[in-house]
């Protein structure tokens, strides 16, 4: 009896883990919404493809069991959309291309400076294989290597961490220029406000910005 109970518990844990690991697979449908460029929100279901494709095209259903309710959007037709627990904002970032068209970027942390992830195409033509026991999440992070992107709510231009590596004091002080005191500390290269402290600088900016709202 103990053996049977242990086996059942082990199977239940495995099944639960499998559901978690396979939450976002190619062709899976998740509850969500789209917000059109004019601000209209539509609630329904979105078909997930992969981390790269979902940034470019959204396949939306009002009723997931009725193909006639299907609508297909290029992400530049949208302001925002949500797939299950993943929220995407449509911003001027598409992997560092010169034109920087509007594309969906996965929201990691929301704030006056928001943090996003942009997923690129697989770099190799060779298929990327899953490691034994690897979750979908970590497998897809390897296959579609993400970039971390920052956007100040007061500007359209987005930045990667590497954008600030050269001339950090000048670039970051301009990026946060609406906070005069913090911007001056960065511009003057004060201790604790240099490249190595960039995350602290952004956290301080966000905290002070939020307290003013």
Protein backbone atom coordinates (compact mmCIF):
# COMPACT_ATOMS: atom_id res chain seq x y z
CA UNK A 1 0.00 0.00 0.00
CA UNK A 2 2.84 2.38 0.91
CA UNK A 3 4.56 1.52 -2.37
CA UNK A 4 1.37 2.20 -4.33
CA UNK A 5 0.82 5.53 -2.55
CA UNK A 6 4.42 6.61 -3.16
CA UNK A 7 4.12 5.68 -6.83
CA UNK A 8 0.90 7.68 -7.17
CA UNK A 9 2.44 10.74 -5.49
CA UNK A 10 5.53 10.48 -7.69
CA UNK A 11 3.36 10.26 -10.82
CA UNK A 12 1.29 13.26 -9.70
CA UNK A 13 4.45 15.33 -9.11
CA UNK A 14 5.80 14.31 -12.51
CA UNK A 15 2.52 15.20 -14.22
CA UNK A 16 2.43 18.59 -12.47
CA UNK A 17 6.02 19.31 -13.46
CA UNK A 18 5.32 18.26 -17.03
CA UNK A 19 2.41 20.70 -17.23
CA UNK A 20 4.63 23.49 -15.93
CA UNK A 21 7.50 22.68 -18.26
CA UNK A 22 5.26 22.46 -21.32
CA UNK A 23 3.20 25.57 -20.64
CA UNK A 24 4.38 27.41 -23.77
CA UNK A 25 4.79 25.01 -26.67
CA UNK A 26 4.41 25.56 -30.40
CA UNK A 27 0.69 25.54 -31.21
CA UNK A 28 -0.51 25.82 -27.61
CA UNK A 29 -3.50 28.12 -27.02
CA UNK A 30 -3.65 30.40 -23.98
CA UNK A 31 -6.20 32.80 -22.58
CA UNK A 32 -5.20 36.42 -23.18
CA UNK A 33 -6.02 39.69 -24.84
CA UNK A 34 -4.89 42.14 -27.51
CA UNK A 35 -4.99 45.93 -27.26
CA UNK A 36 -5.22 47.49 -30.70
CA UNK A 37 -3.32 50.61 -31.72
CA UNK A 38 -6.46 52.69 -31.12
CA UNK A 39 -6.74 51.39 -27.54
CA UNK A 40 -9.55 48.88 -28.12
CA UNK A 41 -9.10 45.73 -26.03
CA UNK A 42 -10.25 42.30 -27.19
CA UNK A 43 -10.30 39.39 -24.75
CA UNK A 44 -10.00 35.83 -25.95
CA UNK A 45 -7.26 33.32 -26.72
CA UNK A 46 -3.87 33.50 -28.43
CA UNK A 47 -2.00 30.68 -30.11
CA UNK A 48 1.60 30.51 -28.96
CA UNK A 49 4.25 29.66 -31.53
CA UNK A 50 7.78 30.26 -30.25
CA UNK A 51 9.58 33.14 -28.47
CA UNK A 52 10.69 34.74 -31.73
CA UNK A 53 7.51 34.43 -33.83
CA UNK A 54 5.10 35.60 -31.11
CA UNK A 55 6.96 38.95 -31.15
CA UNK A 56 6.01 39.48 -34.79
CA UNK A 57 2.58 37.92 -35.33
CA UNK A 58 -0.37 37.27 -33.02
CA UNK A 59 -3.02 34.67 -33.90
CA UNK A 60 -6.09 35.58 -31.84
CA UNK A 61 -9.40 33.77 -31.29
CA UNK A 62 -12.50 35.10 -29.59
CA UNK A 63 -13.51 31.44 -29.12
CA UNK A 64 -10.62 28.97 -29.11
CA UNK A 65 -12.92 26.19 -30.39
CA UNK A 66 -14.28 28.21 -33.30
CA UNK A 67 -11.88 28.78 -36.20
CA UNK A 68 -14.23 31.40 -37.67
CA UNK A 69 -13.33 33.76 -34.77
CA UNK A 70 -9.64 33.72 -35.76
CA UNK A 71 -7.91 37.04 -36.38
CA UNK A 72 -4.25 37.54 -37.29
CA UNK A 73 -2.38 40.69 -36.28
CA UNK A 74 1.05 42.00 -37.13
CA UNK A 75 2.37 43.30 -33.83
CA UNK A 76 2.75 46.83 -35.20
CA UNK A 77 -1.08 46.91 -35.30
CA UNK A 78 -1.15 46.47 -31.52
CA UNK A 79 -0.10 48.36 -28.39
CA UNK A 80 -0.02 45.39 -26.04
CA UNK A 81 -1.02 41.74 -25.82
CA UNK A 82 -0.99 38.99 -23.23
CA UNK A 83 -0.51 35.25 -23.77
CA UNK A 84 -1.26 33.32 -20.60
CA UNK A 85 1.05 34.91 -18.03
CA UNK A 86 3.30 36.60 -20.60
CA UNK A 87 2.69 40.30 -21.35
CA UNK A 88 4.14 41.94 -24.45
CA UNK A 89 4.45 45.66 -25.11
CA UNK A 90 4.85 46.88 -28.68
CA UNK A 91 7.94 49.09 -28.66
CA UNK A 92 10.69 50.27 -31.02
CA UNK A 93 12.95 47.26 -30.68
CA UNK A 94 13.51 44.31 -33.00
CA UNK A 95 16.95 43.01 -32.18
CA UNK A 96 19.03 46.08 -32.87
CA UNK A 97 18.08 46.65 -36.52
CA UNK A 98 18.71 50.20 -37.76
CA UNK A 99 15.05 50.82 -38.63
CA UNK A 100 13.84 49.59 -35.24
CA UNK A 101 10.26 48.86 -36.32
CA UNK A 102 7.53 48.39 -33.71
CA UNK A 103 7.54 44.82 -32.39
CA UNK A 104 6.27 42.97 -29.36
CA UNK A 105 8.79 42.59 -26.54
CA UNK A 106 8.25 40.41 -23.47
CA UNK A 107 7.77 42.52 -20.34
CA UNK A 108 10.09 41.37 -17.54
CA UNK A 109 9.69 44.24 -15.09
CA UNK A 110 7.35 47.21 -15.33
CA UNK A 111 8.40 50.65 -14.13
CA UNK A 112 9.28 54.15 -15.26
CA UNK A 113 12.18 52.28 -16.83
CA UNK A 114 10.75 48.94 -17.95
CA UNK A 115 12.83 45.86 -18.66
CA UNK A 116 12.04 43.61 -21.63
CA UNK A 117 13.37 40.57 -23.41
CA UNK A 118 13.74 40.31 -27.17
CA UNK A 119 14.30 36.82 -28.59
CA UNK A 120 16.37 36.41 -31.75
CA UNK A 121 16.30 33.73 -34.39
CA UNK A 122 18.41 30.61 -33.72
CA UNK A 123 21.95 31.52 -34.79
CA UNK A 124 22.86 28.05 -36.02
CA UNK A 125 21.26 26.20 -38.94
CA UNK A 126 21.81 22.99 -36.98
CA UNK A 127 18.83 21.97 -34.85
CA UNK A 128 19.15 22.77 -31.16
CA UNK A 129 18.45 19.67 -29.08
CA UNK A 130 16.92 19.58 -25.65
CA UNK A 131 19.12 18.44 -22.78
CA UNK A 132 17.84 15.55 -20.64
CA UNK A 133 15.36 16.86 -18.07
CA UNK A 134 15.52 20.41 -19.47
CA UNK A 135 12.33 22.46 -19.18
CA UNK A 136 10.74 24.18 -22.15
CA UNK A 137 11.59 27.54 -20.59
CA UNK A 138 15.34 26.95 -20.33
CA UNK A 139 15.45 25.12 -23.69
CA UNK A 140 13.81 28.04 -25.49
CA UNK A 141 16.13 30.52 -23.71
CA UNK A 142 19.06 28.64 -25.24
CA UNK A 143 17.53 28.22 -28.66
CA UNK A 144 16.31 31.82 -29.08
CA UNK A 145 19.03 33.68 -27.17
CA UNK A 146 17.33 36.72 -25.58
CA UNK A 147 18.55 40.30 -25.32
CA UNK A 148 17.67 42.45 -22.32
CA UNK A 149 16.15 45.76 -23.37
CA UNK A 150 15.40 48.91 -21.33
CA UNK A 151 12.83 51.60 -22.15
CA UNK A 152 12.17 54.85 -20.33
CA UNK A 153 8.44 55.66 -20.40
CA UNK A 154 9.31 59.22 -21.47
CA UNK A 155 11.12 58.16 -24.66
CA UNK A 156 10.54 55.90 -27.66
CA UNK A 157 14.16 54.84 -27.98
CA UNK A 158 15.16 51.56 -26.34
CA UNK A 159 18.57 50.46 -25.11
CA UNK A 160 20.54 47.32 -24.40
CA UNK A 161 22.95 47.09 -21.48
CA UNK A 162 25.85 47.17 -23.98
CA UNK A 163 24.65 50.56 -25.30
CA UNK A 164 25.80 52.11 -22.01
CA UNK A 165 29.24 50.50 -21.89
CA UNK A 166 30.98 53.32 -23.75
CA UNK A 167 30.49 56.86 -22.44
CA UNK A 168 28.34 55.49 -19.62
CA UNK A 169 28.15 58.75 -17.66
CA UNK A 170 26.97 60.76 -20.68
CA UNK A 171 24.49 58.21 -22.04
CA UNK A 172 22.88 57.17 -18.77
CA UNK A 173 22.65 60.71 -17.42
CA UNK A 174 20.74 61.60 -20.60
CA UNK A 175 18.59 58.46 -20.29
CA UNK A 176 17.43 59.52 -16.81
CA UNK A 177 17.69 63.29 -17.35
CA UNK A 178 14.21 64.00 -15.94
CA UNK A 179 15.60 63.07 -12.51
CA UNK A 180 18.04 65.98 -12.28
CA UNK A 181 19.70 64.95 -9.01
CA UNK A 182 20.32 61.34 -9.99
CA UNK A 183 21.37 62.32 -13.51
CA UNK A 184 23.96 64.73 -12.11
CA UNK A 185 25.46 62.04 -9.87
CA UNK A 186 25.90 59.77 -12.88
CA UNK A 187 27.27 62.58 -15.07
CA UNK A 188 29.82 63.47 -12.37
CA UNK A 189 30.86 59.79 -12.06
CA UNK A 190 30.25 59.79 -8.33
CA UNK A 191 31.07 56.67 -6.34
CA UNK A 192 28.21 54.19 -6.58
CA UNK A 193 26.89 55.68 -9.82
CA UNK A 194 29.14 54.08 -12.44
CA UNK A 195 28.67 51.31 -15.00
CA UNK A 196 29.07 48.58 -12.39
CA UNK A 197 26.16 50.17 -10.49
CA UNK A 198 23.77 50.48 -13.46
CA UNK A 199 21.12 48.22 -11.94
CA UNK A 200 21.19 50.21 -8.71
CA UNK A 201 20.89 53.46 -10.69
CA UNK A 202 17.82 52.16 -12.57
CA UNK A 203 16.27 50.81 -9.37
CA UNK A 204 16.77 54.19 -7.67
CA UNK A 205 15.28 55.98 -10.67
CA UNK A 206 12.23 53.69 -10.67
CA UNK A 207 11.66 54.00 -6.94
CA UNK A 208 11.89 57.79 -6.96
CA UNK A 209 9.74 58.04 -10.08
CA UNK A 210 7.05 55.81 -8.57
CA UNK A 211 6.96 57.86 -5.36
CA UNK A 212 6.17 60.98 -7.40
CA UNK A 213 3.18 59.43 -9.14
